[in-house]
Amino acid sequence: MNDTPSASQIPIPTHFNSDQVGRVWRVPYQDRLHEARAWAQQHDIPAASKDTLRTCLLLVDVQNTFCIPDYELFVGGRSGNGAVEDNVRLCEFIYRNLPHITKIACTLDTHTVMQIFHEIFWIDAAGEHPVPLQTLITQDDIETGKWRVNPEIVGNLMKNANQYVWFKEYGEHYVKTLTSDGKYPLTIWPYHAMLGGIGHAIVSAVDEACFFYAIARNSQTHYELKGRNPLTENYSVLRPEVLHNAEGKPIAQKNSGFLETLLEYDRVIIAGQAKSHCVAWTVSDLLEEIQQTDPMLAKKIYLMEDLTSPVVVPGIVDYTDSANAAFAQFSEAGMHIVQSTEPIESWE
């Protein structure tokens, strides 16, 4: 292990204001640049390249669209303010553990208008679109003709605008595949994490912490985009929900490169949103790959239980129990469930 100060010896910089975590604002990068350099010198924080125990902090979809109240898919959890509370603790964790984090990697849910989980993709017999968050498209819905693929968007997504028959059959295949794989039914989500929009950006306070970290440790923050394929959901950063069309031909592929990158580290710490969806799916796919390679690798994965919250829409859905069950399974497989307030040195 690198000879660095204890996490308890690194205070939180004075610029951090927990009251700002639930807001969007401009990060004063140039100011933070000078402060971070001085901070590293003051606290004898070495460059990340000198680490002998290499740790990656993987932040799943810590974006405005999920983490800022009143944005499209704010993850409130049962407390109603979950993602904000998580990100206060996340920023504090980053600042306190600067000497112990070798790399920060951020996944970015990334969408455009015409995707299979958006309302414009589907219509009913009257030509109406499904209502976001209130519509789950099931195999029975497909078989009874309640919902079908919208023919008006074919020309935007296919090389040949006359390919509606293939397009329609693919929509049916997609929903059936989700059902047979035991996944959630196809959820129609509000437009969120739109590429080029403010919801797509990393939460300002977290972005500030990542920038401060990058300068203090001379370690470039990595950004991994996911979710751009119009023909499949992509909760996990490691693979989309559906990989093949009805004929067995690939429509997407696993993110093998990023998987290999993660497993090169001695320790991978995972936090972000939402515990019930993108975090759970990412960890599940990571575990599947680990078990196929070497089950002992699960021991290098640390799940930050107090830095993630489940999707809860009062009166509609509450995924808290399923998220907790997933984390229990991950723990049984050898992964560690930890709290951000625990000294990172005590994890070993």
Protein backbone atom coordinates (compact mmCIF):
# COMPACT_ATOMS: atom_id res chain seq x y z
CA MET A 1 0.00 0.00 0.00
CA ASN A 2 1.24 3.51 -0.76
CA ASP A 3 2.68 5.43 2.17
CA THR A 4 0.09 8.23 2.36
CA PRO A 5 -1.73 10.09 5.13
CA SER A 6 -4.71 8.43 6.77
CA ALA A 7 -8.07 9.42 5.30
CA SER A 8 -8.95 10.86 8.71
CA GLN A 9 -6.05 13.31 8.37
CA ILE A 10 -7.39 14.85 5.16
CA PRO A 11 -10.00 17.51 5.94
CA ILE A 12 -12.73 18.63 3.59
CA PRO A 13 -11.65 21.76 1.66
CA THR A 14 -13.35 24.97 2.75
CA HIS A 15 -14.85 25.57 -0.72
CA PHE A 16 -17.22 22.59 -0.31
CA ASN A 17 -20.74 23.71 0.61
CA SER A 18 -23.18 20.89 1.26
CA ASP A 19 -26.12 23.26 0.80
CA GLN A 20 -25.20 23.62 -2.89
CA VAL A 21 -25.19 19.89 -3.71
CA GLY A 22 -28.84 19.87 -4.77
CA ARG A 23 -28.37 22.78 -7.18
CA VAL A 24 -26.83 23.39 -10.62
CA TRP A 25 -24.09 26.01 -10.82
CA ARG A 26 -20.89 26.90 -12.66
CA VAL A 27 -17.77 25.30 -11.21
CA PRO A 28 -14.91 27.85 -10.92
CA TYR A 29 -12.33 25.48 -12.37
CA GLN A 30 -9.42 27.90 -12.44
CA ASP A 31 -9.86 28.74 -8.76
CA ARG A 32 -10.07 25.06 -7.85
CA LEU A 33 -6.95 24.37 -9.93
CA HIS A 34 -4.76 26.55 -7.74
CA GLU A 35 -6.43 25.38 -4.52
CA ALA A 36 -6.00 21.70 -5.41
CA ARG A 37 -2.30 22.10 -6.14
CA ALA A 38 -1.76 23.89 -2.85
CA TRP A 39 -3.89 21.29 -1.04
CA ALA A 40 -1.83 18.41 -2.40
CA GLN A 41 1.38 20.09 -1.30
CA GLN A 42 -0.01 21.01 2.11
CA HIS A 43 -1.20 17.46 2.85
CA ASP A 44 1.64 15.63 1.10
CA ILE A 45 -0.70 13.93 -1.37
CA PRO A 46 1.30 12.04 -4.02
CA ALA A 47 0.45 11.58 -7.69
CA ALA A 48 -1.85 8.64 -8.38
CA SER A 49 0.84 7.02 -10.51
CA LYS A 50 2.73 6.24 -7.31
CA ASP A 51 -0.04 4.11 -5.81
CA THR A 52 0.85 0.49 -5.16
CA LEU A 53 -2.71 -0.42 -4.13
CA ARG A 54 -4.66 0.89 -7.12
CA THR A 55 -8.27 1.91 -6.46
CA CYS A 56 -10.93 2.95 -8.97
CA LEU A 57 -13.97 4.87 -7.77
CA LEU A 58 -16.79 4.13 -10.24
CA LEU A 59 -19.58 6.72 -10.14
CA VAL A 60 -22.70 5.50 -11.91
CA ASP A 61 -24.85 8.20 -13.54
CA VAL A 62 -24.29 10.95 -10.97
CA GLN A 63 -26.02 13.35 -13.35
CA ASN A 64 -28.42 16.25 -12.89
CA THR A 65 -31.27 14.29 -14.48
CA PHE A 66 -31.18 11.77 -11.59
CA CYS A 67 -29.73 13.83 -8.75
CA ILE A 68 -31.27 17.30 -8.77
CA PRO A 69 -34.79 17.76 -7.30
CA ASP A 70 -37.46 18.58 -9.90
CA TYR A 71 -35.29 17.24 -12.73
CA GLU A 72 -36.65 14.48 -14.97
CA LEU A 73 -35.87 11.32 -12.96
CA PHE A 74 -34.78 12.55 -9.56
CA VAL A 75 -33.94 9.54 -7.39
CA GLY A 76 -35.53 10.46 -4.10
CA GLY A 77 -35.56 7.04 -2.47
CA ARG A 78 -37.91 6.62 0.47
CA SER A 79 -36.51 9.72 2.18
CA GLY A 80 -37.59 11.86 -0.78
CA ASN A 81 -34.16 13.47 -1.01
CA GLY A 82 -31.98 10.40 -1.50
CA ALA A 83 -29.68 11.40 -4.36
CA VAL A 84 -28.87 14.78 -2.81
CA GLU A 85 -28.03 13.19 0.53
CA ASP A 86 -25.95 10.55 -1.25
CA ASN A 87 -23.98 13.17 -3.15
CA VAL A 88 -23.22 15.20 -0.04
CA ARG A 89 -21.62 12.08 1.40
CA LEU A 90 -19.99 11.26 -1.95
CA CYS A 91 -18.23 14.61 -2.18
CA GLU A 92 -17.07 14.29 1.42
CA PHE A 93 -15.81 10.77 0.69
CA ILE A 94 -13.78 11.95 -2.30
CA TYR A 95 -12.20 14.85 -0.43
CA ARG A 96 -11.37 12.78 2.65
CA ASN A 97 -9.89 9.94 0.62
CA LEU A 98 -7.91 11.81 -2.03
CA PRO A 99 -4.71 9.84 -1.28
CA HIS A 100 -6.49 6.49 -1.62
CA ILE A 101 -8.28 6.90 -4.97
CA THR A 102 -6.19 6.16 -8.04
CA LYS A 103 -8.84 6.83 -10.67
CA ILE A 104 -12.38 8.22 -10.79
CA ALA A 105 -14.57 6.89 -13.58
CA CYS A 106 -18.01 8.40 -14.26
CA THR A 107 -20.67 6.71 -16.35
CA LEU A 108 -23.02 9.01 -18.26
CA ASP A 109 -26.49 7.88 -19.23
CA THR A 110 -26.82 9.39 -22.70
CA HIS A 111 -30.05 9.63 -24.72
CA THR A 112 -31.68 11.19 -27.77
CA VAL A 113 -35.37 11.56 -28.60
CA MET A 114 -36.11 8.42 -30.59
CA GLN A 115 -35.24 5.50 -28.35
CA ILE A 116 -37.17 2.35 -27.49
CA PHE A 117 -38.00 3.46 -23.93
CA HIS A 118 -39.38 6.86 -24.94
CA GLU A 119 -43.04 7.49 -25.67
CA ILE A 120 -42.49 8.54 -29.30
CA PHE A 121 -41.35 4.99 -30.12
CA TRP A 122 -44.79 3.45 -29.42
CA ILE A 123 -48.45 4.10 -30.32
CA ASP A 124 -51.80 2.45 -29.63
CA ALA A 125 -54.67 1.81 -32.04
CA ALA A 126 -55.75 5.45 -31.76
CA GLY A 127 -52.25 6.72 -32.51
CA GLU A 128 -51.70 7.87 -28.92
CA HIS A 129 -48.37 7.48 -27.15
CA PRO A 130 -47.85 5.74 -23.78
CA VAL A 131 -47.64 7.91 -20.67
CA PRO A 132 -44.11 8.06 -19.22
CA LEU A 133 -43.56 6.46 -15.80
CA GLN A 134 -47.14 5.15 -15.83
CA THR A 135 -46.66 2.66 -18.66
CA LEU A 136 -44.96 -0.73 -18.53
CA ILE A 137 -45.14 -2.51 -21.89
CA THR A 138 -45.49 -6.26 -21.39
CA GLN A 139 -45.49 -9.24 -23.70
CA ASP A 140 -49.26 -9.44 -23.30
CA ASP A 141 -49.56 -5.82 -24.47
CA ILE A 142 -47.63 -6.73 -27.62
CA GLU A 143 -49.62 -9.89 -28.31
CA THR A 144 -52.98 -8.14 -27.88
CA GLY A 145 -51.91 -5.17 -29.99
CA LYS A 146 -52.27 -2.65 -27.17
CA TRP A 147 -48.95 -1.08 -28.19
CA ARG A 148 -47.02 -1.22 -31.45
CA VAL A 149 -43.95 0.50 -32.85
CA ASN A 150 -44.60 3.96 -34.28
CA PRO A 151 -44.17 3.74 -38.11
CA GLU A 152 -43.48 7.48 -38.38
CA ILE A 153 -40.02 7.21 -36.87
CA VAL A 154 -38.69 4.34 -39.00
CA GLY A 155 -36.95 6.62 -41.47
CA ASN A 156 -35.03 8.29 -38.63
CA LEU A 157 -33.59 5.06 -37.28
CA MET A 158 -33.31 2.73 -40.29
CA LYS A 159 -31.36 3.12 -43.52
CA ASN A 160 -34.48 2.18 -45.45
CA ALA A 161 -37.72 3.93 -44.49
CA ASN A 162 -39.64 0.93 -45.86
CA GLN A 163 -38.31 -1.41 -43.17
CA TYR A 164 -41.34 -1.04 -40.91
CA VAL A 165 -42.10 -4.77 -40.87
CA TRP A 166 -38.61 -5.50 -39.52
CA PHE A 167 -38.91 -2.56 -37.12
CA LYS A 168 -42.29 -3.78 -35.79
CA GLU A 169 -41.04 -7.34 -35.39
CA TYR A 170 -37.99 -6.10 -33.55
CA GLY A 171 -40.16 -4.19 -31.06
CA GLU A 172 -42.11 -7.39 -30.36
CA HIS A 173 -38.89 -9.38 -30.04
CA TYR A 174 -37.43 -6.81 -27.65
CA VAL A 175 -40.32 -6.93 -25.19
CA LYS A 176 -40.46 -10.72 -25.31
CA THR A 177 -36.72 -10.94 -24.69
CA LEU A 178 -36.99 -8.77 -21.59
CA THR A 179 -39.76 -11.04 -20.32
CA SER A 180 -37.87 -14.27 -21.00
CA ASP A 181 -34.70 -12.89 -19.36
CA GLY A 182 -36.61 -12.05 -16.20
CA LYS A 183 -35.87 -8.33 -16.49
CA TYR A 184 -38.22 -5.51 -15.58
CA PRO A 185 -40.99 -4.94 -18.14
CA LEU A 186 -40.18 -2.25 -20.70
CA THR A 187 -40.62 1.01 -18.81
CA ILE A 188 -41.55 4.14 -20.72
CA TRP A 189 -39.33 6.79 -19.18
CA PRO A 190 -39.64 10.57 -19.41
CA TYR A 191 -37.06 12.22 -21.65
CA HIS A 192 -33.95 12.35 -19.49
CA ALA A 193 -30.15 12.56 -19.70
CA MET A 194 -30.61 14.10 -23.12
CA LEU A 195 -27.35 14.49 -25.00
CA GLY A 196 -26.44 18.17 -25.10
CA GLY A 197 -28.90 19.07 -22.36
CA ILE A 198 -28.25 20.26 -18.82
CA GLY A 199 -29.68 17.06 -17.35
CA HIS A 200 -26.87 15.07 -18.96
CA ALA A 201 -24.16 16.87 -17.00
CA ILE A 202 -22.50 15.58 -13.83
CA VAL A 203 -23.87 17.20 -10.66
CA SER A 204 -21.97 20.45 -10.13
CA ALA A 205 -20.68 19.65 -6.64
CA VAL A 206 -19.53 16.18 -7.75
CA ASP A 207 -17.95 17.61 -10.89
CA GLU A 208 -16.08 20.07 -8.69
CA ALA A 209 -14.87 17.27 -6.43
CA CYS A 210 -13.74 15.19 -9.42
CA PHE A 211 -11.86 18.16 -10.88
CA PHE A 212 -10.21 18.96 -7.55
CA TYR A 213 -9.21 15.29 -7.25
CA ALA A 214 -7.83 15.18 -10.81
CA ILE A 215 -5.56 18.16 -10.17
CA ALA A 216 -4.49 17.09 -6.66
CA ARG A 217 -3.57 13.57 -7.76
CA ASN A 218 -2.61 14.20 -11.39
CA SER A 219 -5.19 11.62 -12.47
CA GLN A 220 -7.51 12.19 -15.43
CA THR A 221 -11.17 11.52 -14.65
CA HIS A 222 -12.62 8.96 -17.07
CA TYR A 223 -16.10 9.41 -18.60
CA GLU A 224 -17.91 6.40 -20.05
CA LEU A 225 -21.05 7.07 -22.13
CA LYS A 226 -23.87 4.53 -22.22
CA GLY A 227 -27.43 4.34 -23.51
CA ARG A 228 -27.09 5.85 -26.99
CA ASN A 229 -28.36 2.80 -28.93
CA PRO A 230 -31.98 3.54 -29.97
CA LEU A 231 -32.95 -0.14 -30.07
CA THR A 232 -32.18 -1.14 -26.49
CA GLU A 233 -32.12 0.06 -22.93
CA ASN A 234 -28.71 0.25 -21.26
CA TYR A 235 -29.05 0.35 -17.49
CA SER A 236 -25.66 -1.28 -17.05
CA VAL A 237 -22.52 0.38 -18.38
CA LEU A 238 -21.17 -3.08 -19.20
CA ARG A 239 -23.87 -4.32 -21.56
CA PRO A 240 -27.24 -3.32 -23.05
CA GLU A 241 -30.42 -5.16 -22.10
CA VAL A 242 -30.76 -6.85 -25.49
CA LEU A 243 -27.85 -7.80 -27.75
CA HIS A 244 -29.52 -9.46 -30.77
CA ASN A 245 -32.53 -9.07 -33.03
CA ALA A 246 -35.09 -11.79 -33.75
CA GLU A 247 -32.78 -13.35 -36.37
CA GLY A 248 -29.93 -13.57 -33.86
CA LYS A 249 -27.92 -10.81 -35.49
CA PRO A 250 -26.18 -8.35 -33.13
CA ILE A 251 -27.74 -4.93 -32.62
CA ALA A 252 -25.33 -4.03 -29.77
CA GLN A 253 -22.35 -5.44 -27.92
CA LYS A 254 -20.90 -5.78 -24.45
CA ASN A 255 -18.56 -3.08 -23.18
CA SER A 256 -15.65 -5.50 -22.79
CA GLY A 257 -12.99 -2.81 -22.91
CA PHE A 258 -14.35 -0.93 -19.91
CA LEU A 259 -14.84 -4.19 -18.01
CA GLU A 260 -11.20 -5.10 -18.53
CA THR A 261 -10.17 -1.62 -17.41
CA LEU A 262 -12.11 -1.93 -14.15
CA LEU A 263 -10.74 -5.35 -13.30
CA GLU A 264 -7.17 -4.14 -13.73
CA TYR A 265 -7.55 -2.25 -10.42
CA ASP A 266 -6.87 -3.84 -7.04
CA ARG A 267 -10.06 -2.36 -5.65
CA VAL A 268 -13.21 -1.01 -7.34
CA ILE A 269 -15.54 1.17 -5.28
CA ILE A 270 -19.03 1.68 -6.72
CA ALA A 271 -21.54 4.44 -5.95
CA GLY A 272 -24.20 6.38 -7.85
CA GLN A 273 -27.78 6.18 -9.06
CA ALA A 274 -30.03 4.41 -9.00
CA LYS A 275 -29.41 1.53 -6.63
CA SER A 276 -32.35 -0.38 -8.11
CA HIS A 277 -31.51 0.16 -11.77
CA CYS A 278 -28.22 1.34 -13.26
CA VAL A 279 -26.12 0.53 -10.19
CA ALA A 280 -27.72 -2.88 -9.65
CA TRP A 281 -27.54 -3.78 -13.34
CA THR A 282 -23.91 -2.68 -13.63
CA VAL A 283 -22.88 -4.65 -10.55
CA SER A 284 -24.90 -7.67 -11.69
CA ASP A 285 -23.17 -7.71 -15.07
CA LEU A 286 -19.80 -7.17 -13.39
CA LEU A 287 -20.46 -10.11 -11.09
CA GLU A 288 -21.53 -12.33 -13.99
CA GLU A 289 -18.30 -11.62 -15.83
CA ILE A 290 -16.25 -12.13 -12.66
CA GLN A 291 -17.86 -15.50 -11.95
CA GLN A 292 -17.06 -16.66 -15.46
CA THR A 293 -13.43 -15.58 -15.06
CA ASP A 294 -12.46 -15.96 -11.40
CA PRO A 295 -15.07 -15.80 -8.58
CA MET A 296 -12.39 -14.57 -6.19
CA LEU A 297 -12.27 -11.27 -8.07
CA ALA A 298 -15.57 -10.38 -6.37
CA LYS A 299 -13.58 -9.58 -3.26
CA LYS A 300 -12.06 -6.53 -4.93
CA ILE A 301 -15.52 -4.90 -5.36
CA TYR A 302 -16.80 -2.48 -2.69
CA LEU A 303 -20.40 -1.23 -2.84
CA MET A 304 -21.05 2.07 -1.07
CA GLU A 305 -24.46 1.49 0.46
CA ASP A 306 -24.92 5.04 1.73
CA LEU A 307 -23.98 6.60 -1.63
CA THR A 308 -26.86 5.19 -3.66
CA SER A 309 -30.68 5.22 -3.50
CA PRO A 310 -33.43 3.21 -5.22
CA VAL A 311 -36.12 4.48 -7.56
CA VAL A 312 -39.27 5.34 -5.62
CA VAL A 313 -42.25 7.04 -7.27
CA PRO A 314 -44.83 7.51 -4.48
CA GLY A 315 -48.06 5.75 -5.30
CA ILE A 316 -46.62 4.14 -8.45
CA VAL A 317 -43.46 2.07 -7.81
CA ASP A 318 -41.02 1.42 -4.98
CA TYR A 319 -37.92 -0.60 -5.87
CA THR A 320 -36.31 -0.37 -2.42
CA ASP A 321 -36.82 -4.01 -1.48
CA SER A 322 -35.60 -5.37 -4.81
CA ALA A 323 -32.52 -3.12 -4.63
CA ASN A 324 -31.71 -4.33 -1.13
CA ALA A 325 -32.20 -7.94 -2.23
CA ALA A 326 -29.77 -7.41 -5.11
CA PHE A 327 -27.13 -5.98 -2.76
CA ALA A 328 -27.60 -8.95 -0.43
CA GLN A 329 -26.91 -11.29 -3.36
CA PHE A 330 -23.81 -9.32 -4.28
CA SER A 331 -22.57 -9.63 -0.71
CA GLU A 332 -23.17 -13.38 -0.69
CA ALA A 333 -21.07 -13.63 -3.86
CA GLY A 334 -18.10 -12.06 -2.08
CA MET A 335 -18.49 -8.34 -2.74
CA HIS A 336 -18.13 -5.95 0.19
CA ILE A 337 -20.97 -3.68 1.38
CA VAL A 338 -19.42 -0.62 3.02
CA GLN A 339 -20.32 2.82 4.31
CA SER A 340 -18.61 6.02 3.21
CA THR A 341 -18.00 7.02 6.82
CA GLU A 342 -15.87 3.93 7.49
CA PRO A 343 -12.10 4.58 7.23
CA ILE A 344 -11.03 3.23 3.88
CA GLU A 345 -7.96 1.64 5.48
CA SER A 346 -10.24 -0.57 7.61
CA TRP A 347 -11.75 -2.26 4.56
CA GLU A 348 -8.84 -4.64 4.09
